[in-house]
Amino acid sequence: MALSLAADLLVLLHLAFIVFVLLGGLLVWRWWRVVFLHLPAVVWGALLEFYGWQCPLTPLEQQLRVAAGEAGYSGSFIAHYLLPVIYPAGLTPGIQMTLGAGVLLINLVIYGWLLIRKHPMLK
């Protein structure tokens, strides 16, 4: 039970990181120092997609599930609803390149907007 819960919590952490990579630039509006966490996270997220690397959280979560005696991702709300978002079926290198480009594009738009809103010479 505890290992299964740990695996579910790791999936939530994984999802939170994905959301942070995509939209964390919006936090910079309120707390500018977040940029020092967010930009490396964006680079990491884009590199994972561009090169098809596996996030280290994925094998850790799978090991926890095996240790908990689970076979796959069945049984919990988290597994049923969140895992298909994090681990989509049919993920190809081309889709991964598109996702990586999307990560960069979304963040370029956010940071461009922040720069225009905050920089006095660009107003």
N, C-alpha and C. Protein backbone atom coordinates (compact mmCIF):
# COMPACT_ATOMS: atom_id res chain seq x y z
N MET A 1 0.82 -1.20 0.00
CA MET A 1 0.00 0.00 0.00
C MET A 1 0.86 1.26 0.00
N ALA A 2 1.87 1.30 0.87
CA ALA A 2 2.72 2.48 0.96
C ALA A 2 3.51 2.69 -0.33
N LEU A 3 3.99 1.60 -0.94
CA LEU A 3 4.75 1.73 -2.18
C LEU A 3 3.84 2.17 -3.33
N SER A 4 2.63 1.68 -3.34
CA SER A 4 1.67 2.10 -4.37
C SER A 4 1.34 3.58 -4.22
N LEU A 5 1.17 4.02 -2.98
CA LEU A 5 0.91 5.43 -2.72
C LEU A 5 2.11 6.28 -3.12
N ALA A 6 3.31 5.81 -2.82
CA ALA A 6 4.53 6.53 -3.21
C ALA A 6 4.60 6.67 -4.73
N ALA A 7 4.24 5.60 -5.46
CA ALA A 7 4.24 5.65 -6.92
C ALA A 7 3.21 6.66 -7.43
N ASP A 8 2.03 6.67 -6.81
CA ASP A 8 1.00 7.64 -7.20
C ASP A 8 1.46 9.07 -6.92
N LEU A 9 2.09 9.28 -5.79
CA LEU A 9 2.61 10.62 -5.47
C LEU A 9 3.71 11.04 -6.44
N LEU A 10 4.51 10.08 -6.87
CA LEU A 10 5.55 10.38 -7.85
C LEU A 10 4.94 10.78 -9.19
N VAL A 11 3.84 10.14 -9.56
CA VAL A 11 3.15 10.52 -10.80
C VAL A 11 2.62 11.96 -10.68
N LEU A 12 2.09 12.30 -9.52
CA LEU A 12 1.62 13.68 -9.31
C LEU A 12 2.78 14.67 -9.39
N LEU A 13 3.92 14.31 -8.81
CA LEU A 13 5.11 15.16 -8.90
C LEU A 13 5.55 15.32 -10.35
N HIS A 14 5.50 14.22 -11.09
CA HIS A 14 5.86 14.22 -12.50
C HIS A 14 4.94 15.16 -13.28
N LEU A 15 3.65 15.05 -13.03
CA LEU A 15 2.68 15.92 -13.71
C LEU A 15 2.90 17.38 -13.32
N ALA A 16 3.16 17.64 -12.05
CA ALA A 16 3.42 19.01 -11.60
C ALA A 16 4.65 19.58 -12.29
N PHE A 17 5.68 18.76 -12.47
CA PHE A 17 6.88 19.23 -13.17
C PHE A 17 6.56 19.57 -14.62
N ILE A 18 5.76 18.74 -15.28
CA ILE A 18 5.38 18.99 -16.67
C ILE A 18 4.63 20.33 -16.77
N VAL A 19 3.70 20.55 -15.87
CA VAL A 19 2.94 21.82 -15.86
C VAL A 19 3.88 22.98 -15.58
N PHE A 20 4.84 22.79 -14.65
CA PHE A 20 5.80 23.85 -14.35
C PHE A 20 6.65 24.17 -15.57
N VAL A 21 7.08 23.14 -16.30
CA VAL A 21 7.88 23.36 -17.52
C VAL A 21 7.08 24.17 -18.53
N LEU A 22 5.82 23.82 -18.69
CA LEU A 22 4.99 24.51 -19.69
C LEU A 22 4.58 25.91 -19.27
N LEU A 23 4.19 26.08 -18.02
CA LEU A 23 3.57 27.34 -17.62
C LEU A 23 4.26 28.05 -16.46
N GLY A 24 5.38 27.52 -16.01
CA GLY A 24 6.08 28.12 -14.87
C GLY A 24 6.53 29.54 -15.11
N GLY A 25 6.70 29.92 -16.36
CA GLY A 25 7.08 31.30 -16.67
C GLY A 25 6.06 32.30 -16.15
N LEU A 26 4.81 31.87 -16.02
CA LEU A 26 3.79 32.77 -15.48
C LEU A 26 4.05 33.10 -14.02
N LEU A 27 4.72 32.20 -13.30
CA LEU A 27 5.07 32.47 -11.90
C LEU A 27 6.11 33.57 -11.79
N VAL A 28 6.89 33.75 -12.85
CA VAL A 28 7.93 34.78 -12.86
C VAL A 28 7.30 36.16 -12.75
N TRP A 29 6.08 36.30 -13.22
CA TRP A 29 5.37 37.57 -13.13
C TRP A 29 5.26 38.01 -11.67
N ARG A 30 4.98 37.08 -10.80
CA ARG A 30 4.80 37.38 -9.37
C ARG A 30 6.10 37.28 -8.59
N TRP A 31 6.88 36.21 -8.88
CA TRP A 31 8.12 35.94 -8.15
C TRP A 31 9.24 35.78 -9.17
N TRP A 32 9.95 36.85 -9.47
CA TRP A 32 10.93 36.86 -10.55
C TRP A 32 12.05 35.85 -10.35
N ARG A 33 12.38 35.50 -9.12
CA ARG A 33 13.48 34.56 -8.88
C ARG A 33 13.15 33.13 -9.33
N VAL A 34 11.88 32.86 -9.58
CA VAL A 34 11.48 31.54 -10.09
C VAL A 34 12.15 31.27 -11.43
N VAL A 35 12.54 32.31 -12.14
CA VAL A 35 13.19 32.16 -13.43
C VAL A 35 14.43 31.26 -13.34
N PHE A 36 15.11 31.30 -12.19
CA PHE A 36 16.32 30.50 -12.03
C PHE A 36 16.03 29.01 -11.86
N LEU A 37 14.82 28.66 -11.53
CA LEU A 37 14.38 27.27 -11.51
C LEU A 37 13.69 26.90 -12.82
N HIS A 38 12.93 27.85 -13.33
CA HIS A 38 12.11 27.55 -14.49
C HIS A 38 12.91 27.36 -15.78
N LEU A 39 13.83 28.26 -16.06
CA LEU A 39 14.58 28.12 -17.32
C LEU A 39 15.36 26.81 -17.41
N PRO A 40 16.06 26.36 -16.36
CA PRO A 40 16.69 25.04 -16.46
C PRO A 40 15.67 23.91 -16.64
N ALA A 41 14.49 24.05 -16.02
CA ALA A 41 13.45 23.04 -16.18
C ALA A 41 12.96 23.00 -17.63
N VAL A 42 12.83 24.17 -18.26
CA VAL A 42 12.41 24.23 -19.66
C VAL A 42 13.45 23.55 -20.55
N VAL A 43 14.72 23.86 -20.30
CA VAL A 43 15.80 23.24 -21.09
C VAL A 43 15.75 21.72 -20.92
N TRP A 44 15.62 21.26 -19.68
CA TRP A 44 15.56 19.82 -19.41
C TRP A 44 14.36 19.19 -20.12
N GLY A 45 13.19 19.80 -19.99
CA GLY A 45 11.99 19.26 -20.63
C GLY A 45 12.11 19.20 -22.15
N ALA A 46 12.67 20.24 -22.75
CA ALA A 46 12.85 20.26 -24.20
C ALA A 46 13.87 19.21 -24.63
N LEU A 47 14.98 19.09 -23.89
CA LEU A 47 15.99 18.08 -24.23
C LEU A 47 15.42 16.66 -24.14
N LEU A 48 14.60 16.41 -23.13
CA LEU A 48 13.97 15.09 -23.00
C LEU A 48 13.16 14.77 -24.26
N GLU A 49 12.44 15.75 -24.74
CA GLU A 49 11.61 15.52 -25.92
C GLU A 49 12.43 15.44 -27.19
N PHE A 50 13.37 16.37 -27.37
CA PHE A 50 14.16 16.39 -28.60
C PHE A 50 15.01 15.13 -28.78
N TYR A 51 15.56 14.62 -27.69
CA TYR A 51 16.46 13.47 -27.80
C TYR A 51 15.80 12.15 -27.42
N GLY A 52 14.54 12.18 -27.02
CA GLY A 52 13.84 10.95 -26.67
C GLY A 52 14.36 10.31 -25.39
N TRP A 53 14.96 11.13 -24.53
CA TRP A 53 15.46 10.60 -23.27
C TRP A 53 14.29 10.27 -22.35
N GLN A 54 14.55 9.40 -21.42
CA GLN A 54 13.53 9.05 -20.44
C GLN A 54 13.76 9.85 -19.16
N CYS A 55 12.70 10.43 -18.66
CA CYS A 55 12.79 11.16 -17.40
C CYS A 55 13.14 10.18 -16.29
N PRO A 56 14.04 10.53 -15.39
CA PRO A 56 14.42 9.61 -14.31
C PRO A 56 13.26 9.25 -13.38
N LEU A 57 12.21 10.05 -13.37
CA LEU A 57 11.06 9.72 -12.53
C LEU A 57 10.30 8.50 -13.05
N THR A 58 10.34 8.27 -14.36
CA THR A 58 9.59 7.17 -14.95
C THR A 58 10.05 5.80 -14.45
N PRO A 59 11.35 5.46 -14.57
CA PRO A 59 11.75 4.14 -14.06
C PRO A 59 11.60 4.02 -12.54
N LEU A 60 11.76 5.11 -11.81
CA LEU A 60 11.58 5.07 -10.36
C LEU A 60 10.13 4.73 -10.03
N GLU A 61 9.21 5.36 -10.73
CA GLU A 61 7.79 5.07 -10.50
C GLU A 61 7.47 3.62 -10.85
N GLN A 62 8.02 3.13 -11.96
CA GLN A 62 7.77 1.74 -12.35
C GLN A 62 8.34 0.76 -11.34
N GLN A 63 9.52 1.06 -10.80
CA GLN A 63 10.12 0.20 -9.77
C GLN A 63 9.24 0.17 -8.52
N LEU A 64 8.70 1.31 -8.15
CA LEU A 64 7.82 1.35 -6.99
C LEU A 64 6.57 0.51 -7.22
N ARG A 65 6.02 0.59 -8.43
CA ARG A 65 4.82 -0.20 -8.74
C ARG A 65 5.11 -1.70 -8.69
N VAL A 66 6.24 -2.11 -9.26
CA VAL A 66 6.61 -3.53 -9.23
C VAL A 66 6.83 -3.97 -7.78
N ALA A 67 7.53 -3.14 -7.00
CA ALA A 67 7.77 -3.48 -5.59
C ALA A 67 6.47 -3.56 -4.80
N ALA A 68 5.45 -2.81 -5.23
CA ALA A 68 4.15 -2.84 -4.57
C ALA A 68 3.31 -4.02 -5.03
N GLY A 69 3.83 -4.79 -5.98
CA GLY A 69 3.10 -5.95 -6.48
C GLY A 69 2.08 -5.64 -7.54
N GLU A 70 2.18 -4.47 -8.13
CA GLU A 70 1.24 -4.08 -9.18
C GLU A 70 1.77 -4.50 -10.54
N ALA A 71 0.86 -4.82 -11.42
CA ALA A 71 1.22 -5.14 -12.80
C ALA A 71 0.60 -4.08 -13.69
N GLY A 72 1.34 -3.03 -13.93
CA GLY A 72 0.82 -1.96 -14.80
C GLY A 72 0.25 -0.82 -13.98
N TYR A 73 -0.64 -0.08 -14.62
CA TYR A 73 -1.17 1.14 -14.02
C TYR A 73 -2.67 1.02 -13.76
N SER A 74 -3.09 -0.02 -13.13
CA SER A 74 -4.51 -0.15 -12.90
C SER A 74 -4.83 0.07 -11.43
N GLY A 75 -6.06 0.46 -11.19
CA GLY A 75 -6.53 0.45 -9.83
C GLY A 75 -6.80 1.79 -9.16
N SER A 76 -6.07 2.83 -9.48
CA SER A 76 -6.28 4.09 -8.75
C SER A 76 -6.76 5.18 -9.69
N PHE A 77 -7.33 6.19 -9.11
CA PHE A 77 -7.77 7.36 -9.85
C PHE A 77 -6.59 7.99 -10.60
N ILE A 78 -5.49 8.14 -9.89
CA ILE A 78 -4.31 8.76 -10.49
C ILE A 78 -3.84 7.96 -11.68
N ALA A 79 -3.75 6.66 -11.50
CA ALA A 79 -3.28 5.80 -12.59
C ALA A 79 -4.23 5.84 -13.79
N HIS A 80 -5.50 5.87 -13.51
CA HIS A 80 -6.48 5.83 -14.59
C HIS A 80 -6.56 7.13 -15.37
N TYR A 81 -6.48 8.28 -14.69
CA TYR A 81 -6.70 9.56 -15.34
C TYR A 81 -5.44 10.35 -15.68
N LEU A 82 -4.39 10.22 -14.88
CA LEU A 82 -3.21 11.05 -15.09
C LEU A 82 -2.12 10.39 -15.93
N LEU A 83 -1.98 9.09 -15.79
CA LEU A 83 -0.89 8.43 -16.51
C LEU A 83 -1.00 8.55 -18.03
N PRO A 84 -2.19 8.47 -18.64
CA PRO A 84 -2.25 8.66 -20.10
C PRO A 84 -1.80 10.06 -20.54
N VAL A 85 -1.91 11.04 -19.67
CA VAL A 85 -1.44 12.39 -20.00
C VAL A 85 0.09 12.43 -19.99
N ILE A 86 0.68 11.78 -18.98
CA ILE A 86 2.14 11.80 -18.83
C ILE A 86 2.81 10.83 -19.79
N TYR A 87 2.20 9.68 -20.02
CA TYR A 87 2.78 8.65 -20.89
C TYR A 87 1.81 8.34 -22.03
N PRO A 88 1.67 9.23 -23.01
CA PRO A 88 0.68 8.99 -24.07
C PRO A 88 1.07 7.79 -24.96
N ALA A 89 0.06 7.08 -25.40
CA ALA A 89 0.28 5.94 -26.30
C ALA A 89 0.63 6.47 -27.69
N GLY A 90 1.46 5.75 -28.41
CA GLY A 90 1.81 6.12 -29.77
C GLY A 90 2.77 7.28 -29.88
N LEU A 91 3.53 7.54 -28.85
CA LEU A 91 4.50 8.64 -28.87
C LEU A 91 5.64 8.28 -29.81
N THR A 92 5.80 9.08 -30.85
CA THR A 92 6.85 8.84 -31.85
C THR A 92 7.92 9.92 -31.74
N PRO A 93 9.09 9.71 -32.34
CA PRO A 93 10.11 10.77 -32.34
C PRO A 93 9.61 12.08 -32.94
N GLY A 94 8.81 12.00 -33.98
CA GLY A 94 8.26 13.21 -34.60
C GLY A 94 7.35 13.96 -33.64
N ILE A 95 6.52 13.23 -32.92
CA ILE A 95 5.64 13.86 -31.94
C ILE A 95 6.48 14.46 -30.81
N GLN A 96 7.53 13.76 -30.41
CA GLN A 96 8.39 14.28 -29.35
C GLN A 96 9.08 15.58 -29.78
N MET A 97 9.50 15.66 -31.04
CA MET A 97 10.10 16.90 -31.54
C MET A 97 9.08 18.03 -31.51
N THR A 98 7.86 17.72 -31.89
CA THR A 98 6.79 18.72 -31.86
C THR A 98 6.51 19.18 -30.43
N LEU A 99 6.49 18.23 -29.49
CA LEU A 99 6.28 18.57 -28.09
C LEU A 99 7.41 19.44 -27.57
N GLY A 100 8.64 19.10 -27.90
CA GLY A 100 9.79 19.90 -27.48
C GLY A 100 9.71 21.30 -28.04
N ALA A 101 9.35 21.42 -29.31
CA ALA A 101 9.21 22.74 -29.92
C ALA A 101 8.07 23.51 -29.27
N GLY A 102 7.00 22.80 -28.91
CA GLY A 102 5.88 23.43 -28.22
C GLY A 102 6.28 23.98 -26.86
N VAL A 103 7.08 23.21 -26.14
CA VAL A 103 7.59 23.68 -24.83
C VAL A 103 8.34 24.99 -25.01
N LEU A 104 9.23 25.01 -26.00
CA LEU A 104 10.02 26.23 -26.23
C LEU A 104 9.14 27.38 -26.69
N LEU A 105 8.21 27.12 -27.59
CA LEU A 105 7.35 28.18 -28.12
C LEU A 105 6.46 28.77 -27.03
N ILE A 106 5.84 27.92 -26.23
CA ILE A 106 4.98 28.41 -25.15
C ILE A 106 5.78 29.32 -24.22
N ASN A 107 6.99 28.89 -23.89
CA ASN A 107 7.80 29.68 -22.97
C ASN A 107 8.37 30.93 -23.60
N LEU A 108 8.67 30.91 -24.89
CA LEU A 108 9.09 32.13 -25.57
C LEU A 108 7.98 33.17 -25.56
N VAL A 109 6.75 32.72 -25.78
CA VAL A 109 5.61 33.64 -25.75
C VAL A 109 5.44 34.22 -24.34
N ILE A 110 5.50 33.36 -23.32
CA ILE A 110 5.32 33.84 -21.94
C ILE A 110 6.42 34.83 -21.57
N TYR A 111 7.67 34.47 -21.84
CA TYR A 111 8.77 35.36 -21.47
C TYR A 111 8.78 36.63 -22.32
N GLY A 112 8.38 36.53 -23.57
CA GLY A 112 8.25 37.73 -24.40
C GLY A 112 7.21 38.67 -23.84
N TRP A 113 6.08 38.11 -23.44
CA TRP A 113 5.01 38.91 -22.84
C TRP A 113 5.50 39.55 -21.55
N LEU A 114 6.19 38.76 -20.70
CA LEU A 114 6.72 39.32 -19.45
C LEU A 114 7.72 40.44 -19.71
N LEU A 115 8.57 40.25 -20.69
CA LEU A 115 9.58 41.27 -21.01
C LEU A 115 8.91 42.56 -21.47
N ILE A 116 7.92 42.44 -22.32
CA ILE A 116 7.22 43.62 -22.81
C ILE A 116 6.47 44.31 -21.67
N ARG A 117 5.87 43.55 -20.78
CA ARG A 117 5.11 44.14 -19.66
C ARG A 117 5.99 44.77 -18.60
N LYS A 118 7.18 44.20 -18.39
CA LYS A 118 8.04 44.66 -17.30
C LYS A 118 9.12 45.66 -17.71
N HIS A 119 9.54 45.60 -18.95
CA HIS A 119 10.66 46.44 -19.37
C HIS A 119 10.14 47.81 -19.77
N PRO A 120 10.63 48.89 -19.11
CA PRO A 120 10.09 50.24 -19.38
C PRO A 120 10.32 50.70 -20.82
N MET A 121 11.40 50.32 -21.46
CA MET A 121 11.68 50.78 -22.82
C MET A 121 10.80 50.11 -23.87
N LEU A 122 10.17 48.99 -23.52
CA LEU A 122 9.36 48.27 -24.47
C LEU A 122 7.88 48.59 -24.34
N LYS A 123 7.52 49.44 -23.40
CA LYS A 123 6.11 49.78 -23.20
C LYS A 123 5.64 50.79 -24.23
